[in-house]
PDB file of all heavy atoms in Angstrom:
ATOM      1  N   ALA A   1     140.562  35.867 207.517  1.00  0.00           N
ATOM      2  CA  ALA A   1     139.857  37.106 207.174  1.00  0.00           C
ATOM      3  C   ALA A   1     139.259  37.008 205.776  1.00  0.00           C
ATOM      4  O   ALA A   1     139.866  36.436 204.860  1.00  0.00           O
ATOM      5  CB  ALA A   1     140.804  38.285 207.256  1.00  0.00           C
ATOM      6  N   GLU A   2     138.087  37.576 205.639  1.00  0.00           N
ATOM      7  CA  GLU A   2     137.429  37.674 204.338  1.00  0.00           C
ATOM      8  C   GLU A   2     137.629  39.085 203.789  1.00  0.00           C
ATOM      9  O   GLU A   2     137.853  40.035 204.552  1.00  0.00           O
ATOM     10  CB  GLU A   2     135.939  37.359 204.471  1.00  0.00           C
ATOM     11  CG  GLU A   2     135.649  35.923 204.875  1.00  0.00           C
ATOM     12  CD  GLU A   2     136.176  34.918 203.864  1.00  0.00           C
ATOM     13  OE1 GLU A   2     136.123  35.222 202.651  1.00  0.00           O
ATOM     14  OE2 GLU A   2     136.653  33.850 204.281  1.00  0.00           O
ATOM     15  N   PRO A   3     137.551  39.264 202.477  1.00  0.00           N
ATOM     16  CA  PRO A   3     137.762  40.597 201.898  1.00  0.00           C
ATOM     17  C   PRO A   3     136.793  41.631 202.452  1.00  0.00           C
ATOM     18  O   PRO A   3     135.605  41.351 202.621  1.00  0.00           O
ATOM     19  CB  PRO A   3     137.545  40.367 200.402  1.00  0.00           C
ATOM     20  CG  PRO A   3     137.833  38.916 200.190  1.00  0.00           C
ATOM     21  CD  PRO A   3     137.371  38.226 201.435  1.00  0.00           C
ATOM     22  N   LEU A   4     137.310  42.803 202.731  1.00  0.00           N
ATOM     23  CA  LEU A   4     136.447  43.903 203.155  1.00  0.00           C
ATOM     24  C   LEU A   4     135.604  44.416 201.999  1.00  0.00           C
ATOM     25  O   LEU A   4     134.475  44.883 202.197  1.00  0.00           O
ATOM     26  CB  LEU A   4     137.299  45.057 203.695  1.00  0.00           C
ATOM     27  CG  LEU A   4     137.932  44.900 205.077  1.00  0.00           C
ATOM     28  CD1 LEU A   4     138.710  46.164 205.426  1.00  0.00           C
ATOM     29  CD2 LEU A   4     136.870  44.630 206.138  1.00  0.00           C
ATOM     30  N   LEU A   5     136.153  44.347 200.784  1.00  0.00           N
ATOM     31  CA  LEU A   5     135.503  44.924 199.615  1.00  0.00           C
ATOM     32  C   LEU A   5     135.336  43.869 198.533  1.00  0.00           C
ATOM     33  O   LEU A   5     136.226  43.016 198.359  1.00  0.00           O
ATOM     34  CB  LEU A   5     136.349  46.079 199.060  1.00  0.00           C
ATOM     35  CG  LEU A   5     136.740  47.207 200.034  1.00  0.00           C
ATOM     36  CD1 LEU A   5     137.715  48.161 199.359  1.00  0.00           C
ATOM     37  CD2 LEU A   5     135.507  47.952 200.515  1.00  0.00           C
ATOM     38  N   PRO A   6     134.248  43.916 197.791  1.00  0.00           N
ATOM     39  CA  PRO A   6     134.165  43.056 196.609  1.00  0.00           C
ATOM     40  C   PRO A   6     135.265  43.439 195.618  1.00  0.00           C
ATOM     41  O   PRO A   6     135.779  44.562 195.642  1.00  0.00           O
ATOM     42  CB  PRO A   6     132.773  43.344 196.052  1.00  0.00           C
ATOM     43  CG  PRO A   6     132.392  44.678 196.611  1.00  0.00           C
ATOM     44  CD  PRO A   6     133.055  44.773 197.945  1.00  0.00           C
ATOM     45  N   LEU A   7     135.603  42.515 194.744  1.00  0.00           N
ATOM     46  CA  LEU A   7     136.753  42.727 193.875  1.00  0.00           C
ATOM     47  C   LEU A   7     136.610  43.989 193.031  1.00  0.00           C
ATOM     48  O   LEU A   7     137.580  44.753 192.892  1.00  0.00           O
ATOM     49  CB  LEU A   7     136.951  41.500 192.968  1.00  0.00           C
ATOM     50  CG  LEU A   7     138.161  41.562 192.034  1.00  0.00           C
ATOM     51  CD1 LEU A   7     139.447  41.778 192.805  1.00  0.00           C
ATOM     52  CD2 LEU A   7     138.243  40.293 191.179  1.00  0.00           C
ATOM     53  N   TRP A   8     135.451  44.227 192.485  1.00  0.00           N
ATOM     54  CA  TRP A   8     135.291  45.413 191.631  1.00  0.00           C
ATOM     55  C   TRP A   8     135.525  46.705 192.415  1.00  0.00           C
ATOM     56  O   TRP A   8     136.160  47.641 191.921  1.00  0.00           O
ATOM     57  CB  TRP A   8     133.898  45.434 190.981  1.00  0.00           C
ATOM     58  CG  TRP A   8     132.751  45.657 191.946  1.00  0.00           C
ATOM     59  CD1 TRP A   8     132.037  44.712 192.604  1.00  0.00           C
ATOM     60  CD2 TRP A   8     132.229  46.929 192.370  1.00  0.00           C
ATOM     61  NE1 TRP A   8     131.089  45.280 193.412  1.00  0.00           N
ATOM     62  CE2 TRP A   8     131.171  46.650 193.279  1.00  0.00           C
ATOM     63  CE3 TRP A   8     132.504  48.255 192.069  1.00  0.00           C
ATOM     64  CZ2 TRP A   8     130.431  47.643 193.900  1.00  0.00           C
ATOM     65  CZ3 TRP A   8     131.772  49.265 192.678  1.00  0.00           C
ATOM     66  CH2 TRP A   8     130.753  48.952 193.575  1.00  0.00           C
ATOM     67  N   LEU A   9     135.044  46.718 193.669  1.00  0.00           N
ATOM     68  CA  LEU A   9     135.225  47.917 194.481  1.00  0.00           C
ATOM     69  C   LEU A   9     136.678  48.030 194.964  1.00  0.00           C
ATOM     70  O   LEU A   9     137.221  49.142 195.070  1.00  0.00           O
ATOM     71  CB  LEU A   9     134.272  47.889 195.674  1.00  0.00           C
ATOM     72  CG  LEU A   9     134.275  49.129 196.572  1.00  0.00           C
ATOM     73  CD1 LEU A   9     134.011  50.394 195.765  1.00  0.00           C
ATOM     74  CD2 LEU A   9     133.247  48.976 197.698  1.00  0.00           C
ATOM     75  N   ALA A  10     137.311  46.888 195.212  1.00  0.00           N
ATOM     76  CA  ALA A  10     138.727  46.909 195.604  1.00  0.00           C
ATOM     77  C   ALA A  10     139.586  47.479 194.476  1.00  0.00           C
ATOM     78  O   ALA A  10     140.538  48.231 194.727  1.00  0.00           O
ATOM     79  CB  ALA A  10     139.186  45.504 195.980  1.00  0.00           C
ATOM     80  N   CYS A  11     139.252  47.131 193.240  1.00  0.00           N
ATOM     81  CA  CYS A  11     140.008  47.667 192.098  1.00  0.00           C
ATOM     82  C   CYS A  11     139.838  49.184 191.991  1.00  0.00           C
ATOM     83  O   CYS A  11     140.814  49.914 191.755  1.00  0.00           O
ATOM     84  CB  CYS A  11     139.570  46.983 190.815  1.00  0.00           C
ATOM     85  SG  CYS A  11     140.033  45.231 190.714  1.00  0.00           S
ATOM     86  N   LEU A  12     138.600  49.651 192.165  1.00  0.00           N
ATOM     87  CA  LEU A  12     138.373  51.099 192.131  1.00  0.00           C
ATOM     88  C   LEU A  12     139.074  51.797 193.292  1.00  0.00           C
ATOM     89  O   LEU A  12     139.617  52.905 193.134  1.00  0.00           O
ATOM     90  CB  LEU A  12     136.872  51.387 192.181  1.00  0.00           C
ATOM     91  CG  LEU A  12     136.055  51.002 190.947  1.00  0.00           C
ATOM     92  CD1 LEU A  12     134.573  51.315 191.169  1.00  0.00           C
ATOM     93  CD2 LEU A  12     136.569  51.727 189.711  1.00  0.00           C
ATOM     94  N   THR A  13     139.083  51.159 194.450  1.00  0.00           N
ATOM     95  CA  THR A  13     139.767  51.731 195.613  1.00  0.00           C
ATOM     96  C   THR A  13     141.267  51.813 195.361  1.00  0.00           C
ATOM     97  O   THR A  13     141.925  52.795 195.749  1.00  0.00           O
ATOM     98  CB  THR A  13     139.477  50.889 196.865  1.00  0.00           C
ATOM     99  OG1 THR A  13     138.067  50.836 197.082  1.00  0.00           O
ATOM    100  CG2 THR A  13     140.154  51.468 198.094  1.00  0.00           C
ATOM    101  N   ALA A  14     141.819  50.788 194.704  1.00  0.00           N
ATOM    102  CA  ALA A  14     143.243  50.804 194.377  1.00  0.00           C
ATOM    103  C   ALA A  14     143.571  51.930 193.398  1.00  0.00           C
ATOM    104  O   ALA A  14     144.628  52.576 193.507  1.00  0.00           O
ATOM    105  CB  ALA A  14     143.658  49.462 193.794  1.00  0.00           C
ATOM    106  N   VAL A  15     142.686  52.187 192.442  1.00  0.00           N
ATOM    107  CA  VAL A  15     142.883  53.315 191.518  1.00  0.00           C
ATOM    108  C   VAL A  15     142.907  54.630 192.295  1.00  0.00           C
ATOM    109  O   VAL A  15     143.791  55.474 192.112  1.00  0.00           O
ATOM    110  CB  VAL A  15     141.780  53.338 190.444  1.00  0.00           C
ATOM    111  CG1 VAL A  15     141.842  54.636 189.648  1.00  0.00           C
ATOM    112  CG2 VAL A  15     141.927  52.143 189.511  1.00  0.00           C
ATOM    113  N   ALA A  16     141.924  54.794 193.181  1.00  0.00           N
ATOM    114  CA  ALA A  16     141.881  56.008 193.994  1.00  0.00           C
ATOM    115  C   ALA A  16     143.125  56.121 194.872  1.00  0.00           C
ATOM    116  O   ALA A  16     143.682  57.218 195.055  1.00  0.00           O
ATOM    117  CB  ALA A  16     140.620  56.013 194.857  1.00  0.00           C
ATOM    118  N   GLY A  17     143.584  54.986 195.401  1.00  0.00           N
ATOM    119  CA  GLY A  17     144.784  54.990 196.218  1.00  0.00           C
ATOM    120  C   GLY A  17     146.017  55.386 195.439  1.00  0.00           C
ATOM    121  O   GLY A  17     146.857  56.162 195.925  1.00  0.00           O
ATOM    122  N   GLY A  18     146.145  54.894 194.211  1.00  0.00           N
ATOM    123  CA  GLY A  18     147.293  55.256 193.385  1.00  0.00           C
ATOM    124  C   GLY A  18     147.308  56.739 193.053  1.00  0.00           C
ATOM    125  O   GLY A  18     148.370  57.381 193.088  1.00  0.00           O
ATOM    126  N   ILE A  19     146.136  57.299 192.768  1.00  0.00           N
ATOM    127  CA  ILE A  19     146.054  58.725 192.458  1.00  0.00           C
ATOM    128  C   ILE A  19     146.391  59.556 193.699  1.00  0.00           C
ATOM    129  O   ILE A  19     147.118  60.555 193.626  1.00  0.00           O
ATOM    130  CB  ILE A  19     144.659  59.080 191.921  1.00  0.00           C
ATOM    131  CG1 ILE A  19     144.444  58.411 190.554  1.00  0.00           C
ATOM    132  CG2 ILE A  19     144.467  60.579 191.820  1.00  0.00           C
ATOM    133  CD1 ILE A  19     143.034  58.533 190.022  1.00  0.00           C
ATOM    134  N   ALA A  20     145.865  59.151 194.846  1.00  0.00           N
ATOM    135  CA  ALA A  20     146.151  59.889 196.082  1.00  0.00           C
ATOM    136  C   ALA A  20     147.629  59.818 196.430  1.00  0.00           C
ATOM    137  O   ALA A  20     148.232  60.821 196.829  1.00  0.00           O
ATOM    138  CB  ALA A  20     145.301  59.335 197.221  1.00  0.00           C
ATOM    139  N   LEU A  21     148.225  58.635 196.273  1.00  0.00           N
ATOM    140  CA  LEU A  21     149.667  58.495 196.517  1.00  0.00           C
ATOM    141  C   LEU A  21     150.450  59.491 195.670  1.00  0.00           C
ATOM    142  O   LEU A  21     151.353  60.182 196.159  1.00  0.00           O
ATOM    143  CB  LEU A  21     150.118  57.071 196.177  1.00  0.00           C
ATOM    144  CG  LEU A  21     150.148  56.017 197.272  1.00  0.00           C
ATOM    145  CD1 LEU A  21     150.565  54.680 196.685  1.00  0.00           C
ATOM    146  CD2 LEU A  21     151.083  56.403 198.405  1.00  0.00           C
ATOM    147  N   MET A  22     150.145  59.548 194.390  1.00  0.00           N
ATOM    148  CA  MET A  22     150.854  60.442 193.475  1.00  0.00           C
ATOM    149  C   MET A  22     150.664  61.905 193.865  1.00  0.00           C
ATOM    150  O   MET A  22     151.606  62.704 193.825  1.00  0.00           O
ATOM    151  CB  MET A  22     150.350  60.199 192.046  1.00  0.00           C
ATOM    152  CG  MET A  22     150.979  61.084 190.980  1.00  0.00           C
ATOM    153  SD  MET A  22     150.165  62.711 190.772  1.00  0.00           S
ATOM    154  CE  MET A  22     148.513  62.209 190.294  1.00  0.00           C
ATOM    155  N   THR A  23     149.449  62.264 194.294  1.00  0.00           N
ATOM    156  CA  THR A  23     149.142  63.658 194.581  1.00  0.00           C
ATOM    157  C   THR A  23     149.887  64.156 195.813  1.00  0.00           C
ATOM    158  O   THR A  23     150.049  65.361 195.999  1.00  0.00           O
ATOM    159  CB  THR A  23     147.628  63.839 194.755  1.00  0.00           C
ATOM    160  OG1 THR A  23     146.958  63.236 193.642  1.00  0.00           O
ATOM    161  CG2 THR A  23     147.239  65.301 194.808  1.00  0.00           C
ATOM    162  N   GLY A  24     150.360  63.251 196.637  1.00  0.00           N
ATOM    163  CA  GLY A  24     151.148  63.664 197.791  1.00  0.00           C
ATOM    164  C   GLY A  24     152.534  64.156 197.445  1.00  0.00           C
ATOM    165  O   GLY A  24     153.188  64.825 198.257  1.00  0.00           O
ATOM    166  N   PHE A  25     153.017  63.850 196.243  1.00  0.00           N
ATOM    167  CA  PHE A  25     154.353  64.257 195.818  1.00  0.00           C
ATOM    168  C   PHE A  25     154.291  65.618 195.123  1.00  0.00           C
ATOM    169  O   PHE A  25     153.240  66.031 194.632  1.00  0.00           O
ATOM    170  CB  PHE A  25     154.936  63.227 194.849  1.00  0.00           C
ATOM    171  CG  PHE A  25     155.339  61.935 195.501  1.00  0.00           C
ATOM    172  CD1 PHE A  25     154.402  60.958 195.816  1.00  0.00           C
ATOM    173  CD2 PHE A  25     156.671  61.674 195.787  1.00  0.00           C
ATOM    174  CE1 PHE A  25     154.773  59.769 196.415  1.00  0.00           C
ATOM    175  CE2 PHE A  25     157.058  60.479 196.384  1.00  0.00           C
ATOM    176  CZ  PHE A  25     156.103  59.529 196.704  1.00  0.00           C
ATOM    177  N   PRO A  26     155.436  66.335 195.044  1.00  0.00           N
ATOM    178  CA  PRO A  26     155.475  67.557 194.239  1.00  0.00           C
ATOM    179  C   PRO A  26     155.144  67.221 192.787  1.00  0.00           C
ATOM    180  O   PRO A  26     155.432  66.108 192.334  1.00  0.00           O
ATOM    181  CB  PRO A  26     156.923  68.027 194.379  1.00  0.00           C
ATOM    182  CG  PRO A  26     157.425  67.376 195.625  1.00  0.00           C
ATOM    183  CD  PRO A  26     156.715  66.064 195.705  1.00  0.00           C
ATOM    184  N   SER A  27     154.525  68.139 192.036  1.00  0.00           N
ATOM    185  CA  SER A  27     154.273  69.508 192.415  1.00  0.00           C
ATOM    186  C   SER A  27     152.978  69.722 193.186  1.00  0.00           C
ATOM    187  O   SER A  27     152.788  70.784 193.804  1.00  0.00           O
ATOM    188  CB  SER A  27     154.236  70.381 191.154  1.00  0.00           C
ATOM    189  OG  SER A  27     153.194  69.947 190.292  1.00  0.00           O
ATOM    190  N   SER A  28     152.055  68.761 193.164  1.00  0.00           N
ATOM    191  CA  SER A  28     150.825  68.925 193.946  1.00  0.00           C
ATOM    192  C   SER A  28     151.167  69.093 195.416  1.00  0.00           C
ATOM    193  O   SER A  28     150.658  69.976 196.101  1.00  0.00           O
ATOM    194  CB  SER A  28     149.909  67.721 193.745  1.00  0.00           C
ATOM    195  OG  SER A  28     149.541  67.587 192.401  1.00  0.00           O
ATOM    196  N   ASP A  29     152.018  68.200 195.931  1.00  0.00           N
ATOM    197  CA  ASP A  29     152.614  68.361 197.257  1.00  0.00           C
ATOM    198  C   ASP A  29     151.577  68.421 198.367  1.00  0.00           C
ATOM    199  O   ASP A  29     151.780  69.099 199.374  1.00  0.00           O
ATOM    200  CB  ASP A  29     153.500  69.609 197.285  1.00  0.00           C
ATOM    201  CG  ASP A  29     154.634  69.487 198.298  1.00  0.00           C
ATOM    202  OD1 ASP A  29     154.970  68.340 198.666  1.00  0.00           O
ATOM    203  OD2 ASP A  29     155.179  70.512 198.707  1.00  0.00           O
TER     204      ASP A  29
END
């Protein structure tokens, strides 16, 4: 398999993923 995203976009996606992960927990919940 080849990468779905170029590295720069994968890094930005990982940032968005980390923020979304956190927002699922209280107090944002």
